[in-house]
Amino acid sequence: MQLIGGVILSLGWVPQIIQILKTKSVADLSLKSYLLILLGISLMEAYAVSLAVTGVGLAFLITNTMSLCVVLLVIILIIRFQSHK
């Protein structure tokens, strides 16, 4: 259940990424909000790594890493397209 839920949450960012790439606009997105989300996911990632090292929580590590990557991509796109004002 955790793996399925985590994959769904990670894939939830994909429509936002597609929208940014299509419109090349990030005017309505808050970089500060995404940075806070990234901080929260990064802290959870540290916890997920510690769980995986002990032999549990591999699904949590996988899905959290996916979320970390897609949120980082959104942040990169925001930074990239903010400079194109």
N, C-alpha and C. Protein backbone atom coordinates (compact mmCIF):
# COMPACT_ATOMS: atom_id res chain seq x y z
N MET A 1 0.83 -1.19 0.00
CA MET A 1 0.00 0.00 0.00
C MET A 1 0.88 1.26 0.00
N GLN A 2 1.94 1.23 0.79
CA GLN A 2 2.81 2.40 0.86
C GLN A 2 3.47 2.65 -0.49
N LEU A 3 3.90 1.59 -1.14
CA LEU A 3 4.55 1.72 -2.44
C LEU A 3 3.58 2.30 -3.48
N ILE A 4 2.37 1.80 -3.52
CA ILE A 4 1.37 2.29 -4.47
C ILE A 4 1.02 3.75 -4.16
N GLY A 5 0.77 4.05 -2.90
CA GLY A 5 0.45 5.43 -2.51
C GLY A 5 1.60 6.38 -2.81
N GLY A 6 2.82 5.96 -2.52
CA GLY A 6 3.98 6.79 -2.78
C GLY A 6 4.20 7.06 -4.25
N VAL A 7 3.97 6.05 -5.08
CA VAL A 7 4.11 6.22 -6.54
C VAL A 7 3.05 7.21 -7.03
N ILE A 8 1.83 7.07 -6.55
CA ILE A 8 0.76 8.00 -6.95
C ILE A 8 1.11 9.42 -6.54
N LEU A 9 1.59 9.62 -5.31
CA LEU A 9 1.99 10.96 -4.86
C LEU A 9 3.13 11.52 -5.70
N SER A 10 4.08 10.68 -6.05
CA SER A 10 5.20 11.13 -6.87
C SER A 10 4.74 11.52 -8.27
N LEU A 11 3.86 10.71 -8.85
CA LEU A 11 3.36 10.99 -10.19
C LEU A 11 2.43 12.20 -10.22
N GLY A 12 1.92 12.58 -9.06
CA GLY A 12 1.05 13.75 -8.97
C GLY A 12 1.73 15.04 -9.39
N TRP A 13 3.04 15.07 -9.36
CA TRP A 13 3.79 16.26 -9.77
C TRP A 13 3.97 16.33 -11.28
N VAL A 14 3.80 15.23 -11.97
CA VAL A 14 4.06 15.18 -13.42
C VAL A 14 3.17 16.15 -14.20
N PRO A 15 1.87 16.27 -13.92
CA PRO A 15 1.07 17.25 -14.67
C PRO A 15 1.60 18.69 -14.52
N GLN A 16 2.10 19.02 -13.33
CA GLN A 16 2.67 20.36 -13.13
C GLN A 16 3.91 20.54 -13.99
N ILE A 17 4.75 19.53 -14.04
CA ILE A 17 5.97 19.59 -14.86
C ILE A 17 5.60 19.74 -16.34
N ILE A 18 4.63 18.96 -16.79
CA ILE A 18 4.19 19.05 -18.20
C ILE A 18 3.64 20.44 -18.49
N GLN A 19 2.84 20.98 -17.58
CA GLN A 19 2.28 22.32 -17.77
C GLN A 19 3.38 23.38 -17.88
N ILE A 20 4.39 23.29 -17.03
CA ILE A 20 5.50 24.24 -17.09
C ILE A 20 6.22 24.13 -18.42
N LEU A 21 6.48 22.91 -18.85
CA LEU A 21 7.21 22.71 -20.11
C LEU A 21 6.40 23.19 -21.32
N LYS A 22 5.08 23.00 -21.27
CA LYS A 22 4.22 23.44 -22.37
C LYS A 22 4.15 24.95 -22.46
N THR A 23 3.93 25.60 -21.31
CA THR A 23 3.68 27.04 -21.30
C THR A 23 4.95 27.85 -21.09
N LYS A 24 5.99 27.20 -20.58
CA LYS A 24 7.22 27.89 -20.21
C LYS A 24 6.94 29.04 -19.25
N SER A 25 5.90 28.85 -18.44
CA SER A 25 5.49 29.87 -17.48
C SER A 25 5.46 29.29 -16.08
N VAL A 26 6.05 30.01 -15.15
CA VAL A 26 6.01 29.63 -13.74
C VAL A 26 5.51 30.81 -12.89
N ALA A 27 4.84 31.74 -13.56
CA ALA A 27 4.42 32.98 -12.91
C ALA A 27 3.57 32.75 -11.66
N ASP A 28 2.76 31.74 -11.67
CA ASP A 28 1.86 31.50 -10.54
C ASP A 28 2.39 30.50 -9.53
N LEU A 29 3.63 30.08 -9.69
CA LEU A 29 4.22 29.11 -8.77
C LEU A 29 5.12 29.83 -7.76
N SER A 30 5.09 29.37 -6.54
CA SER A 30 5.89 29.97 -5.48
C SER A 30 7.15 29.13 -5.26
N LEU A 31 8.30 29.71 -5.57
CA LEU A 31 9.57 29.02 -5.34
C LEU A 31 9.75 28.70 -3.85
N LYS A 32 9.35 29.63 -2.99
CA LYS A 32 9.48 29.40 -1.53
C LYS A 32 8.69 28.18 -1.08
N SER A 33 7.50 28.02 -1.62
CA SER A 33 6.68 26.85 -1.26
C SER A 33 7.36 25.56 -1.68
N TYR A 34 7.87 25.54 -2.90
CA TYR A 34 8.53 24.33 -3.39
C TYR A 34 9.83 24.06 -2.64
N LEU A 35 10.52 25.10 -2.21
CA LEU A 35 11.74 24.90 -1.41
C LEU A 35 11.40 24.31 -0.05
N LEU A 36 10.29 24.74 0.54
CA LEU A 36 9.86 24.16 1.82
C LEU A 36 9.45 22.70 1.64
N ILE A 37 8.75 22.40 0.55
CA ILE A 37 8.39 21.01 0.26
C ILE A 37 9.66 20.18 0.09
N LEU A 38 10.64 20.73 -0.63
CA LEU A 38 11.91 20.02 -0.83
C LEU A 38 12.60 19.77 0.51
N LEU A 39 12.59 20.74 1.39
CA LEU A 39 13.20 20.56 2.72
C LEU A 39 12.51 19.43 3.48
N GLY A 40 11.18 19.43 3.47
CA GLY A 40 10.43 18.38 4.16
C GLY A 40 10.72 17.01 3.58
N ILE A 41 10.72 16.90 2.27
CA ILE A 41 11.00 15.61 1.64
C ILE A 41 12.44 15.18 1.91
N SER A 42 13.37 16.13 1.94
CA SER A 42 14.77 15.80 2.23
C SER A 42 14.93 15.24 3.64
N LEU A 43 14.21 15.81 4.59
CA LEU A 43 14.26 15.29 5.96
C LEU A 43 13.66 13.88 6.01
N MET A 44 12.57 13.67 5.29
CA MET A 44 11.99 12.33 5.24
C MET A 44 12.93 11.37 4.53
N GLU A 45 13.68 11.88 3.55
CA GLU A 45 14.64 11.03 2.82
C GLU A 45 15.72 10.52 3.77
N ALA A 46 16.21 11.40 4.64
CA ALA A 46 17.22 10.98 5.62
C ALA A 46 16.66 9.87 6.52
N TYR A 47 15.41 10.02 6.92
CA TYR A 47 14.77 8.99 7.73
C TYR A 47 14.58 7.70 6.93
N ALA A 48 14.19 7.83 5.67
CA ALA A 48 13.99 6.66 4.80
C ALA A 48 15.30 5.90 4.61
N VAL A 49 16.40 6.63 4.46
CA VAL A 49 17.70 5.98 4.32
C VAL A 49 18.03 5.20 5.59
N SER A 50 17.78 5.81 6.75
CA SER A 50 18.08 5.11 8.00
C SER A 50 17.23 3.86 8.17
N LEU A 51 15.99 3.92 7.71
CA LEU A 51 15.14 2.72 7.77
C LEU A 51 15.64 1.65 6.81
N ALA A 52 16.01 2.06 5.60
CA ALA A 52 16.47 1.10 4.59
C ALA A 52 17.76 0.42 5.03
N VAL A 53 18.62 1.15 5.73
CA VAL A 53 19.88 0.56 6.22
C VAL A 53 19.60 -0.55 7.22
N THR A 54 18.54 -0.41 7.99
CA THR A 54 18.20 -1.44 8.97
C THR A 54 17.41 -2.59 8.36
N GLY A 55 17.10 -2.47 7.07
CA GLY A 55 16.43 -3.57 6.39
C GLY A 55 14.94 -3.42 6.25
N VAL A 56 14.41 -2.29 6.69
CA VAL A 56 12.97 -2.04 6.51
C VAL A 56 12.80 -0.71 5.78
N GLY A 57 11.66 -0.48 5.25
CA GLY A 57 11.37 0.81 4.65
C GLY A 57 11.91 1.03 3.25
N LEU A 58 12.20 -0.04 2.53
CA LEU A 58 12.72 0.13 1.18
C LEU A 58 11.68 0.81 0.27
N ALA A 59 10.41 0.45 0.41
CA ALA A 59 9.36 1.09 -0.39
C ALA A 59 9.29 2.58 -0.09
N PHE A 60 9.44 2.93 1.19
CA PHE A 60 9.43 4.33 1.59
C PHE A 60 10.61 5.07 0.96
N LEU A 61 11.76 4.46 0.96
CA LEU A 61 12.95 5.07 0.37
C LEU A 61 12.75 5.28 -1.13
N ILE A 62 12.23 4.29 -1.81
CA ILE A 62 12.03 4.38 -3.26
C ILE A 62 11.05 5.50 -3.61
N THR A 63 9.90 5.50 -2.97
CA THR A 63 8.88 6.50 -3.31
C THR A 63 9.29 7.90 -2.85
N ASN A 64 9.96 7.99 -1.73
CA ASN A 64 10.41 9.30 -1.25
C ASN A 64 11.48 9.86 -2.19
N THR A 65 12.37 9.00 -2.68
CA THR A 65 13.39 9.43 -3.62
C THR A 65 12.74 9.91 -4.92
N MET A 66 11.70 9.23 -5.36
CA MET A 66 10.97 9.67 -6.55
C MET A 66 10.38 11.06 -6.33
N SER A 67 9.75 11.28 -5.18
CA SER A 67 9.17 12.58 -4.87
C SER A 67 10.25 13.66 -4.81
N LEU A 68 11.36 13.33 -4.20
CA LEU A 68 12.48 14.27 -4.11
C LEU A 68 12.93 14.70 -5.50
N CYS A 69 13.03 13.75 -6.40
CA CYS A 69 13.49 14.05 -7.77
C CYS A 69 12.50 14.92 -8.53
N VAL A 70 11.21 14.63 -8.44
CA VAL A 70 10.25 15.41 -9.21
C VAL A 70 10.08 16.82 -8.64
N VAL A 71 10.13 16.95 -7.33
CA VAL A 71 10.04 18.29 -6.74
C VAL A 71 11.29 19.10 -7.07
N LEU A 72 12.43 18.45 -7.05
CA LEU A 72 13.67 19.13 -7.45
C LEU A 72 13.58 19.58 -8.91
N LEU A 73 12.98 18.76 -9.76
CA LEU A 73 12.81 19.15 -11.16
C LEU A 73 11.90 20.37 -11.28
N VAL A 74 10.82 20.41 -10.52
CA VAL A 74 9.93 21.58 -10.54
C VAL A 74 10.71 22.82 -10.11
N ILE A 75 11.53 22.71 -9.07
CA ILE A 75 12.32 23.85 -8.61
C ILE A 75 13.29 24.31 -9.70
N ILE A 76 13.94 23.37 -10.34
CA ILE A 76 14.87 23.72 -11.43
C ILE A 76 14.11 24.44 -12.55
N LEU A 77 12.93 23.96 -12.89
CA LEU A 77 12.13 24.61 -13.94
C LEU A 77 11.68 26.01 -13.52
N ILE A 78 11.29 26.16 -12.25
CA ILE A 78 10.90 27.49 -11.77
C ILE A 78 12.07 28.45 -11.91
N ILE A 79 13.24 28.04 -11.46
CA ILE A 79 14.42 28.90 -11.54
C ILE A 79 14.75 29.22 -12.99
N ARG A 80 14.68 28.21 -13.83
CA ARG A 80 15.00 28.39 -15.25
C ARG A 80 14.05 29.37 -15.94
N PHE A 81 12.75 29.19 -15.73
CA PHE A 81 11.78 30.00 -16.44
C PHE A 81 11.47 31.33 -15.76
N GLN A 82 11.83 31.49 -14.48
CA GLN A 82 11.70 32.80 -13.84
C GLN A 82 12.65 33.80 -14.48
N SER A 83 13.79 33.33 -14.90
CA SER A 83 14.78 34.22 -15.48
C SER A 83 14.41 34.64 -16.90
N HIS A 84 13.36 34.05 -17.47
CA HIS A 84 12.93 34.39 -18.83
C HIS A 84 11.81 35.42 -18.85
N LYS A 85 11.68 36.19 -17.79
CA LYS A 85 10.62 37.20 -17.71
C LYS A 85 10.84 38.30 -18.70
